[in-house]
Amino acid sequence: MRPGGVATRPSVSPPRPAGTRGRPIPSTSGTGAARVALASNPVDEDAAPASTSDLLRWSEALSAVARTALGFTENLYERERFQEVLKVAADMRTAAGHPLSPDVLVDEWMTSVGEGVSGYVTPKVAVGAVVGNDRGELLLVCRADSGVWLYPTGWADVGYSASEVAVKEVWEETGIDVEPVRLLAVLDGLRLGFTRIPLYSIVFHCRALGGTLKAHPLECLDVGWFAEDAMPSPLAGVDRWGEAAFAAIRGEDVDVVFDLPRPARAGESPAV
């Protein structure tokens, strides 16, 4: 439920970042380039100071860029530079509250470096299910790893479609058989602060078909059906998904919930 051959390095270049296709990528080396960068990205004195969540997001973004680059280059000079970027990202991660030392973080990140396309670092994917019954109640589990209540959710398994993972997770965690009705939400875990690793959560609205309510002995401390005015506590992120979940259970037409692009700051590309 949680997540042979010899890899060969493909003779392709890594994909260009969005918005650069067809245009040369300006050099960022040398003091002249640094002066241009500073001039085009003036400091916003009114901007709020960086938060812990900002440091976490920036650290994970830097480490992903560096690890992906390490997967595409054999140039020793470039590899040294990207490893230096990993060290900076590790310092930021530690400043954001990670219990491991920067050196240990760098070692862990280096072990995850792949080759070529297989080494392109992307967010992990989790699949969740908002399940309603005939009484308009929501199925929730109390997670054994945190003691926090949430709808059934788990890592996406290879060989299953996203909706199949939703059905499987609900059955394994609660003993309830369900059928997917519609996509309800696609959420960025890092941005919303409910995970400390890059993670996209795909959430389906599902209808209960039957089964016997039973908590998974290893993954769930408890399981139950809850009315909208009698939710358990602590409940993860309900202000983000709760309204849409119960609206879907009532049969209302609700839009898919997703994270809107952040406004671009001066001198930045969108969503940076």
C-alpha atoms as a PDB file:
ATOM      1  CA  MET A   1       0.000   0.000   0.000  1.00  0.00           C
ATOM      2  CA  ARG A   2       2.971   2.245   0.560  1.00  0.00           C
ATOM      3  CA  PRO A   3       5.117   2.726  -1.907  1.00  0.00           C
ATOM      4  CA  GLY A   4      15.477  -4.459 -12.398  1.00  0.00           C
ATOM      5  CA  GLY A   5      17.336  -3.706 -15.113  1.00  0.00           C
ATOM      6  CA  VAL A   6      20.249  -1.398 -15.771  1.00  0.00           C
ATOM      7  CA  ALA A   7      19.391   2.273 -16.194  1.00  0.00           C
ATOM      8  CA  THR A   8      20.920   4.066 -19.168  1.00  0.00           C
ATOM      9  CA  ARG A   9      21.264   7.786 -19.548  1.00  0.00           C
ATOM     10  CA  PRO A  10      19.008   9.014 -22.385  1.00  0.00           C
ATOM     11  CA  SER A  11      20.582  11.270 -24.979  1.00  0.00           C
ATOM     12  CA  VAL A  12      18.082  14.062 -24.365  1.00  0.00           C
ATOM     13  CA  SER A  13      18.234  17.348 -22.562  1.00  0.00           C
ATOM     14  CA  PRO A  14      15.995  18.039 -19.571  1.00  0.00           C
ATOM     15  CA  PRO A  15      12.682  19.742 -20.419  1.00  0.00           C
ATOM     16  CA  ARG A  16      12.779  23.514 -20.558  1.00  0.00           C
ATOM     17  CA  PRO A  17      10.924  25.276 -17.763  1.00  0.00           C
ATOM     18  CA  ALA A  18       7.470  26.544 -18.678  1.00  0.00           C
ATOM     19  CA  GLY A  19       7.588  29.785 -20.571  1.00  0.00           C
ATOM     20  CA  THR A  20      11.136  29.368 -21.946  1.00  0.00           C
ATOM     21  CA  ARG A  21      10.444  27.206 -25.002  1.00  0.00           C
ATOM     22  CA  GLY A  22      11.766  28.842 -28.134  1.00  0.00           C
ATOM     23  CA  ARG A  23      13.732  31.491 -26.219  1.00  0.00           C
ATOM     24  CA  PRO A  24      17.352  31.393 -25.043  1.00  0.00           C
ATOM     25  CA  ILE A  25      17.777  31.031 -21.301  1.00  0.00           C
ATOM     26  CA  PRO A  26      19.853  33.966 -20.041  1.00  0.00           C
ATOM     27  CA  SER A  27      23.120  33.216 -18.285  1.00  0.00           C
ATOM     28  CA  THR A  28      23.214  33.666 -14.522  1.00  0.00           C
ATOM     29  CA  SER A  29      26.973  33.497 -14.122  1.00  0.00           C
ATOM     30  CA  GLY A  30      29.320  36.406 -13.410  1.00  0.00           C
ATOM     31  CA  THR A  31      28.951  39.656 -11.548  1.00  0.00           C
ATOM     32  CA  GLY A  32      27.334  41.373 -14.535  1.00  0.00           C
ATOM     33  CA  ALA A  33      24.507  38.870 -14.547  1.00  0.00           C
ATOM     34  CA  ALA A  34      24.146  39.281 -10.786  1.00  0.00           C
ATOM     35  CA  ARG A  35      23.775  43.060 -11.165  1.00  0.00           C
ATOM     36  CA  VAL A  36      21.126  42.558 -13.858  1.00  0.00           C
ATOM     37  CA  ALA A  37      19.253  40.101 -11.626  1.00  0.00           C
ATOM     38  CA  LEU A  38      19.291  42.523  -8.707  1.00  0.00           C
ATOM     39  CA  ALA A  39      18.157  45.410 -10.857  1.00  0.00           C
ATOM     40  CA  SER A  40      15.240  43.423 -12.307  1.00  0.00           C
ATOM     41  CA  ASN A  41      14.214  41.991  -8.907  1.00  0.00           C
ATOM     42  CA  PRO A  42      14.201  44.937  -6.500  1.00  0.00           C
ATOM     43  CA  VAL A  43      13.677  44.212  -2.813  1.00  0.00           C
ATOM     44  CA  ASP A  44      10.094  44.802  -1.722  1.00  0.00           C
ATOM     45  CA  GLU A  45      10.505  46.538   1.626  1.00  0.00           C
ATOM     46  CA  ASP A  46       6.791  46.138   2.387  1.00  0.00           C
ATOM     47  CA  ALA A  47       6.777  42.382   1.810  1.00  0.00           C
ATOM     48  CA  ALA A  48       6.083  40.144   4.800  1.00  0.00           C
ATOM     49  CA  PRO A  49       9.123  38.285   6.196  1.00  0.00           C
ATOM     50  CA  ALA A  50       9.599  34.698   5.072  1.00  0.00           C
ATOM     51  CA  SER A  51       7.586  32.216   7.133  1.00  0.00           C
ATOM     52  CA  THR A  52       8.507  28.673   8.121  1.00  0.00           C
ATOM     53  CA  SER A  53       6.236  27.364   5.356  1.00  0.00           C
ATOM     54  CA  ASP A  54       8.058  29.617   2.864  1.00  0.00           C
ATOM     55  CA  LEU A  55      11.422  28.181   3.930  1.00  0.00           C
ATOM     56  CA  LEU A  56      10.055  24.654   3.627  1.00  0.00           C
ATOM     57  CA  ARG A  57       8.664  25.248   0.136  1.00  0.00           C
ATOM     58  CA  TRP A  58      11.817  27.003  -1.092  1.00  0.00           C
ATOM     59  CA  SER A  59      14.024  24.278   0.360  1.00  0.00           C
ATOM     60  CA  GLU A  60      12.074  21.492  -1.328  1.00  0.00           C
ATOM     61  CA  ALA A  61      12.009  23.404  -4.631  1.00  0.00           C
ATOM     62  CA  LEU A  62      15.786  23.992  -4.533  1.00  0.00           C
ATOM     63  CA  SER A  63      16.538  20.385  -3.655  1.00  0.00           C
ATOM     64  CA  ALA A  64      14.263  19.132  -6.444  1.00  0.00           C
ATOM     65  CA  VAL A  65      15.954  21.381  -9.026  1.00  0.00           C
ATOM     66  CA  ALA A  66      19.419  20.298  -7.875  1.00  0.00           C
ATOM     67  CA  ARG A  67      18.613  16.575  -7.781  1.00  0.00           C
ATOM     68  CA  THR A  68      16.972  16.715 -11.201  1.00  0.00           C
ATOM     69  CA  ALA A  69      20.018  18.535 -12.611  1.00  0.00           C
ATOM     70  CA  LEU A  70      22.333  15.920 -11.080  1.00  0.00           C
ATOM     71  CA  GLY A  71      20.337  13.272 -12.929  1.00  0.00           C
ATOM     72  CA  PHE A  72      20.989  14.931 -16.274  1.00  0.00           C
ATOM     73  CA  THR A  73      24.653  15.949 -16.064  1.00  0.00           C
ATOM     74  CA  GLU A  74      27.952  14.085 -15.960  1.00  0.00           C
ATOM     75  CA  ASN A  75      30.038  17.268 -15.838  1.00  0.00           C
ATOM     76  CA  LEU A  76      32.007  17.158 -12.579  1.00  0.00           C
ATOM     77  CA  TYR A  77      32.053  20.956 -12.194  1.00  0.00           C
ATOM     78  CA  GLU A  78      28.263  21.137 -12.586  1.00  0.00           C
ATOM     79  CA  ARG A  79      27.765  18.269 -10.148  1.00  0.00           C
ATOM     80  CA  GLU A  80      29.797  20.107  -7.508  1.00  0.00           C
ATOM     81  CA  ARG A  81      27.714  23.245  -7.994  1.00  0.00           C
ATOM     82  CA  PHE A  82      24.422  21.364  -7.708  1.00  0.00           C
ATOM     83  CA  GLN A  83      25.638  19.618  -4.565  1.00  0.00           C
ATOM     84  CA  GLU A  84      26.357  23.073  -3.121  1.00  0.00           C
ATOM     85  CA  VAL A  85      22.756  24.016  -3.918  1.00  0.00           C
ATOM     86  CA  LEU A  86      21.639  20.931  -1.981  1.00  0.00           C
ATOM     87  CA  LYS A  87      23.644  22.122   1.028  1.00  0.00           C
ATOM     88  CA  VAL A  88      21.901  25.515   0.931  1.00  0.00           C
ATOM     89  CA  ALA A  89      18.520  23.782   0.632  1.00  0.00           C
ATOM     90  CA  ALA A  90      19.389  21.584   3.619  1.00  0.00           C
ATOM     91  CA  ASP A  91      20.294  24.624   5.723  1.00  0.00           C
ATOM     92  CA  MET A  92      16.926  26.173   4.859  1.00  0.00           C
ATOM     93  CA  ARG A  93      15.118  22.907   5.666  1.00  0.00           C
ATOM     94  CA  THR A  94      16.796  22.731   9.075  1.00  0.00           C
ATOM     95  CA  ALA A  95      15.900  26.379   9.726  1.00  0.00           C
ATOM     96  CA  ALA A  96      12.287  25.422   8.956  1.00  0.00           C
ATOM     97  CA  GLY A  97      12.359  22.917  11.823  1.00  0.00           C
ATOM     98  CA  HIS A  98      13.550  19.632  10.333  1.00  0.00           C
ATOM     99  CA  PRO A  99      15.096  17.484  13.116  1.00  0.00           C
ATOM    100  CA  LEU A 100      17.927  16.073  10.961  1.00  0.00           C
ATOM    101  CA  SER A 101      21.207  17.918  10.445  1.00  0.00           C
ATOM    102  CA  PRO A 102      21.935  19.498   7.030  1.00  0.00           C
ATOM    103  CA  ASP A 103      24.639  16.907   6.297  1.00  0.00           C
ATOM    104  CA  VAL A 104      22.207  14.036   6.884  1.00  0.00           C
ATOM    105  CA  LEU A 105      19.585  15.708   4.693  1.00  0.00           C
ATOM    106  CA  VAL A 106      22.096  16.135   1.866  1.00  0.00           C
ATOM    107  CA  ASP A 107      23.067  12.461   2.147  1.00  0.00           C
ATOM    108  CA  GLU A 108      19.397  11.417   1.976  1.00  0.00           C
ATOM    109  CA  TRP A 109      18.749  13.629  -1.033  1.00  0.00           C
ATOM    110  CA  MET A 110      21.848  12.334  -2.836  1.00  0.00           C
ATOM    111  CA  THR A 111      20.685   8.721  -2.432  1.00  0.00           C
ATOM    112  CA  SER A 112      17.471   9.629  -4.267  1.00  0.00           C
ATOM    113  CA  VAL A 113      19.225  11.043  -7.344  1.00  0.00           C
ATOM    114  CA  GLY A 114      18.354   9.054 -10.469  1.00  0.00           C
ATOM    115  CA  GLU A 115      19.532   9.235 -14.070  1.00  0.00           C
ATOM    116  CA  GLY A 116      17.867  11.126 -16.898  1.00  0.00           C
ATOM    117  CA  VAL A 117      14.075  11.231 -17.059  1.00  0.00           C
ATOM    118  CA  SER A 118      13.737   8.676 -14.258  1.00  0.00           C
ATOM    119  CA  GLY A 119      15.626  11.088 -12.007  1.00  0.00           C
ATOM    120  CA  TYR A 120      13.344  14.052 -12.665  1.00  0.00           C
ATOM    121  CA  VAL A 121      12.071  14.961  -9.193  1.00  0.00           C
ATOM    122  CA  THR A 122       8.297  15.437  -8.955  1.00  0.00           C
ATOM    123  CA  PRO A 123       5.773  15.573  -6.077  1.00  0.00           C
ATOM    124  CA  LYS A 124       4.429  12.330  -4.675  1.00  0.00           C
ATOM    125  CA  VAL A 125       0.723  11.622  -5.222  1.00  0.00           C
ATOM    126  CA  ALA A 126      -1.825  10.649  -2.602  1.00  0.00           C
ATOM    127  CA  VAL A 127      -5.460   9.741  -3.249  1.00  0.00           C
ATOM    128  CA  GLY A 128      -8.287  10.425  -0.808  1.00  0.00           C
ATOM    129  CA  ALA A 129     -12.015   9.716  -0.711  1.00  0.00           C
ATOM    130  CA  VAL A 130     -14.874  11.804   0.666  1.00  0.00           C
ATOM    131  CA  VAL A 131     -17.522   9.154   1.333  1.00  0.00           C
ATOM    132  CA  GLY A 132     -21.125   9.933   2.239  1.00  0.00           C
ATOM    133  CA  ASN A 133     -23.984   7.696   3.356  1.00  0.00           C
ATOM    134  CA  ASP A 134     -27.790   7.919   3.069  1.00  0.00           C
ATOM    135  CA  ARG A 135     -27.934   9.985   6.291  1.00  0.00           C
ATOM    136  CA  GLY A 136     -25.662  12.675   4.831  1.00  0.00           C
ATOM    137  CA  GLU A 137     -22.760  11.700   7.103  1.00  0.00           C
ATOM    138  CA  LEU A 138     -19.067  11.729   6.234  1.00  0.00           C
ATOM    139  CA  LEU A 139     -16.717   8.764   6.687  1.00  0.00           C
ATOM    140  CA  LEU A 140     -13.591   9.695   8.669  1.00  0.00           C
ATOM    141  CA  VAL A 141     -10.617   7.803  10.073  1.00  0.00           C
ATOM    142  CA  CYS A 142      -8.332   8.686  12.980  1.00  0.00           C
ATOM    143  CA  ARG A 143      -4.825   8.190  11.629  1.00  0.00           C
ATOM    144  CA  ALA A 144      -2.504   6.028  13.712  1.00  0.00           C
ATOM    145  CA  ASP A 145       0.590   8.034  12.738  1.00  0.00           C
ATOM    146  CA  SER A 146      -0.738  11.378  14.012  1.00  0.00           C
ATOM    147  CA  GLY A 147      -3.989  10.884  15.912  1.00  0.00           C
ATOM    148  CA  VAL A 148      -5.622  13.357  13.500  1.00  0.00           C
ATOM    149  CA  TRP A 149      -8.978  12.700  11.826  1.00  0.00           C
ATOM    150  CA  LEU A 150      -9.230  12.832   8.020  1.00  0.00           C
ATOM    151  CA  TYR A 151     -11.072  11.192   5.136  1.00  0.00           C
ATOM    152  CA  PRO A 152      -9.472   7.872   4.016  1.00  0.00           C
ATOM    153  CA  THR A 153      -6.327   8.534   2.007  1.00  0.00           C
ATOM    154  CA  GLY A 154      -3.115   6.812   0.936  1.00  0.00           C
ATOM    155  CA  TRP A 155      -0.241   6.832  -1.556  1.00  0.00           C
ATOM    156  CA  ALA A 156      -1.069   6.182  -5.203  1.00  0.00           C
ATOM    157  CA  ASP A 157       0.000   2.631  -6.077  1.00  0.00           C
ATOM    158  CA  VAL A 158       1.521   1.707  -9.421  1.00  0.00           C
ATOM    159  CA  GLY A 159      -0.863  -0.360 -11.554  1.00  0.00           C
ATOM    160  CA  TYR A 160      -4.031   1.311 -10.268  1.00  0.00           C
ATOM    161  CA  SER A 161      -5.929   4.271 -11.664  1.00  0.00           C
ATOM    162  CA  ALA A 162      -6.520   7.147  -9.240  1.00  0.00           C
ATOM    163  CA  SER A 163     -10.170   6.181  -8.711  1.00  0.00           C
ATOM    164  CA  GLU A 164      -9.181   2.543  -8.098  1.00  0.00           C
ATOM    165  CA  VAL A 165      -6.766   3.701  -5.393  1.00  0.00           C
ATOM    166  CA  ALA A 166      -9.629   5.620  -3.755  1.00  0.00           C
ATOM    167  CA  VAL A 167     -11.811   2.507  -3.676  1.00  0.00           C
ATOM    168  CA  LYS A 168      -8.948   0.365  -2.364  1.00  0.00           C
ATOM    169  CA  GLU A 169      -7.945   2.808   0.382  1.00  0.00           C
ATOM    170  CA  VAL A 170     -11.501   3.144   1.712  1.00  0.00           C
ATOM    171  CA  TRP A 171     -11.946  -0.628   1.802  1.00  0.00           C
ATOM    172  CA  GLU A 172      -8.590  -1.242   3.499  1.00  0.00           C
ATOM    173  CA  GLU A 173      -8.914   1.535   6.089  1.00  0.00           C
ATOM    174  CA  THR A 174     -12.642   1.317   6.939  1.00  0.00           C
ATOM    175  CA  GLY A 175     -14.166  -1.914   5.563  1.00  0.00           C
ATOM    176  CA  ILE A 176     -16.652   0.106   3.467  1.00  0.00           C
ATOM    177  CA  ASP A 177     -17.214  -0.654  -0.226  1.00  0.00           C
ATOM    178  CA  VAL A 178     -17.623   2.472  -2.366  1.00  0.00           C
ATOM    179  CA  GLU A 179     -18.013   3.672  -5.937  1.00  0.00           C
ATOM    180  CA  PRO A 180     -16.378   6.903  -7.173  1.00  0.00           C
ATOM    181  CA  VAL A 181     -18.844   9.613  -8.213  1.00  0.00           C
ATOM    182  CA  ARG A 182     -16.658  12.543  -9.266  1.00  0.00           C
ATOM    183  CA  LEU A 183     -13.360  14.338  -8.713  1.00  0.00           C
ATOM    184  CA  LEU A 184     -13.693  16.728  -5.780  1.00  0.00           C
ATOM    185  CA  ALA A 185     -10.270  18.320  -5.205  1.00  0.00           C
ATOM    186  CA  VAL A 186      -6.616  18.472  -6.281  1.00  0.00           C
ATOM    187  CA  LEU A 187      -4.548  19.993  -3.463  1.00  0.00           C
ATOM    188  CA  ASP A 188      -0.892  20.991  -3.009  1.00  0.00           C
ATOM    189  CA  GLY A 189       0.135  19.577   0.356  1.00  0.00           C
ATOM    190  CA  LEU A 190       3.203  21.778   0.806  1.00  0.00           C
ATOM    191  CA  ARG A 191       1.303  24.981   0.103  1.00  0.00           C
ATOM    192  CA  LEU A 192      -1.540  24.065   2.457  1.00  0.00           C
ATOM    193  CA  GLY A 193       0.831  22.903   5.190  1.00  0.00           C
ATOM    194  CA  PHE A 194      -0.562  19.402   5.749  1.00  0.00           C
ATOM    195  CA  THR A 195       2.622  17.654   4.612  1.00  0.00           C
ATOM    196  CA  ARG A 196       6.356  18.269   4.902  1.00  0.00           C
ATOM    197  CA  ILE A 197       7.220  16.634   1.581  1.00  0.00           C
ATOM    198  CA  PRO A 198       6.162  17.678  -1.948  1.00  0.00           C
ATOM    199  CA  LEU A 199       2.735  16.082  -2.359  1.00  0.00           C
ATOM    200  CA  TYR A 200      -0.371  16.426  -4.521  1.00  0.00           C
ATOM    201  CA  SER A 201      -3.585  15.056  -3.025  1.00  0.00           C
ATOM    202  CA  ILE A 202      -6.323  13.916  -5.430  1.00  0.00           C
ATOM    203  CA  VAL A 203      -9.682  13.643  -3.648  1.00  0.00           C
ATOM    204  CA  PHE A 204     -12.742  11.824  -5.016  1.00  0.00           C
ATOM    205  CA  HIS A 205     -16.348  12.000  -3.866  1.00  0.00           C
ATOM    206  CA  CYS A 206     -17.488   8.408  -3.397  1.00  0.00           C
ATOM    207  CA  ARG A 207     -20.818   6.773  -2.573  1.00  0.00           C
ATOM    208  CA  ALA A 208     -20.996   4.034   0.073  1.00  0.00           C
ATOM    209  CA  LEU A 209     -22.363   0.730  -1.259  1.00  0.00           C
ATOM    210  CA  GLY A 210     -22.066  -1.525   1.773  1.00  0.00           C
ATOM    211  CA  GLY A 211     -19.597  -3.250   4.021  1.00  0.00           C
ATOM    212  CA  THR A 212     -18.996  -3.350   7.748  1.00  0.00           C
ATOM    213  CA  LEU A 213     -17.274  -0.449   9.483  1.00  0.00           C
ATOM    214  CA  LYS A 214     -13.895  -1.646  10.795  1.00  0.00           C
ATOM    215  CA  ALA A 215     -10.706   0.349  11.381  1.00  0.00           C
ATOM    216  CA  HIS A 216      -7.481  -0.970   9.857  1.00  0.00           C
ATOM    217  CA  PRO A 217      -5.496  -2.394  12.815  1.00  0.00           C
ATOM    218  CA  LEU A 218      -2.202  -0.723  11.838  1.00  0.00           C
ATOM    219  CA  GLU A 219      -3.178   2.488  10.095  1.00  0.00           C
ATOM    220  CA  CYS A 220      -6.265   3.723  11.947  1.00  0.00           C
ATOM    221  CA  LEU A 221      -6.975   4.298  15.633  1.00  0.00           C
ATOM    222  CA  ASP A 222     -10.702   4.687  14.993  1.00  0.00           C
ATOM    223  CA  VAL A 223     -13.245   5.106  12.204  1.00  0.00           C
ATOM    224  CA  GLY A 224     -16.785   6.452  12.040  1.00  0.00           C
ATOM    225  CA  TRP A 225     -19.581   8.347  10.301  1.00  0.00           C
ATOM    226  CA  PHE A 226     -19.995  11.998  11.295  1.00  0.00           C
ATOM    227  CA  ALA A 227     -22.651  14.641  10.693  1.00  0.00           C
ATOM    228  CA  GLU A 228     -21.566  18.116   9.594  1.00  0.00           C
ATOM    229  CA  ASP A 229     -22.441  19.597  12.995  1.00  0.00           C
ATOM    230  CA  ALA A 230     -20.729  16.816  14.985  1.00  0.00           C
ATOM    231  CA  MET A 231     -17.242  16.493  13.523  1.00  0.00           C
ATOM    232  CA  PRO A 232     -14.390  14.994  15.596  1.00  0.00           C
ATOM    233  CA  SER A 233     -11.228  16.826  16.642  1.00  0.00           C
ATOM    234  CA  PRO A 234      -8.464  17.329  15.680  1.00  0.00           C
ATOM    235  CA  LEU A 235      -9.588  17.310  12.054  1.00  0.00           C
ATOM    236  CA  ALA A 236      -7.022  18.063   9.337  1.00  0.00           C
ATOM    237  CA  GLY A 237      -7.769  20.908   6.912  1.00  0.00           C
ATOM    238  CA  VAL A 238     -11.560  20.823   7.205  1.00  0.00           C
ATOM    239  CA  ASP A 239     -11.744  24.551   6.479  1.00  0.00           C
ATOM    240  CA  ARG A 240     -10.251  23.772   3.063  1.00  0.00           C
ATOM    241  CA  TRP A 241     -12.381  20.800   1.991  1.00  0.00           C
ATOM    242  CA  GLY A 242     -15.249  20.434   4.485  1.00  0.00           C
ATOM    243  CA  GLU A 243     -17.819  22.686   2.799  1.00  0.00           C
ATOM    244  CA  ALA A 244     -17.303  21.103  -0.628  1.00  0.00           C
ATOM    245  CA  ALA A 245     -17.385  17.589   0.874  1.00  0.00           C
ATOM    246  CA  PHE A 246     -20.791  17.949   2.511  1.00  0.00           C
ATOM    247  CA  ALA A 247     -22.177  19.838  -0.480  1.00  0.00           C
ATOM    248  CA  ALA A 248     -21.178  16.902  -2.686  1.00  0.00           C
ATOM    249  CA  ILE A 249     -22.717  14.424  -0.237  1.00  0.00           C
ATOM    250  CA  ARG A 250     -25.995  16.394  -0.379  1.00  0.00           C
ATOM    251  CA  GLY A 251     -25.926  16.067  -4.149  1.00  0.00           C
ATOM    252  CA  GLU A 252     -25.198  19.721  -4.867  1.00  0.00           C
ATOM    253  CA  ASP A 253     -23.253  20.747  -7.961  1.00  0.00           C
ATOM    254  CA  VAL A 254     -19.848  21.839  -6.652  1.00  0.00           C
ATOM    255  CA  ASP A 255     -16.747  22.924  -8.525  1.00  0.00           C
ATOM    256  CA  VAL A 256     -13.499  20.989  -8.215  1.00  0.00           C
ATOM    257  CA  VAL A 257     -11.365  22.543  -5.459  1.00  0.00           C
ATOM    258  CA  PHE A 258      -7.799  23.351  -6.465  1.00  0.00           C
ATOM    259  CA  ASP A 259      -5.025  25.781  -5.543  1.00  0.00           C
ATOM    260  CA  LEU A 260      -5.066  28.886  -7.703  1.00  0.00           C
ATOM    261  CA  PRO A 261      -1.737  30.143  -9.103  1.00  0.00           C
ATOM    262  CA  ARG A 262       0.036  32.556  -6.790  1.00  0.00           C
ATOM    263  CA  PRO A 263       0.335  36.151  -8.068  1.00  0.00           C
ATOM    264  CA  ALA A 264       3.717  36.766  -9.669  1.00  0.00           C
ATOM    265  CA  ARG A 265       6.032  39.150  -7.829  1.00  0.00           C
ATOM    266  CA  ALA A 266       8.138  41.769  -9.613  1.00  0.00           C
ATOM    267  CA  GLY A 267      10.667  40.151 -11.939  1.00  0.00           C
ATOM    268  CA  GLU A 268       9.381  36.589 -11.404  1.00  0.00           C
ATOM    269  CA  SER A 269       7.643  34.088 -13.618  1.00  0.00           C
ATOM    270  CA  PRO A 270       4.057  33.195 -12.592  1.00  0.00           C
ATOM    271  CA  ALA A 271       3.596  30.755  -9.653  1.00  0.00           C
ATOM    272  CA  VAL A 272       7.217  31.005  -8.438  1.00  0.00           C
END
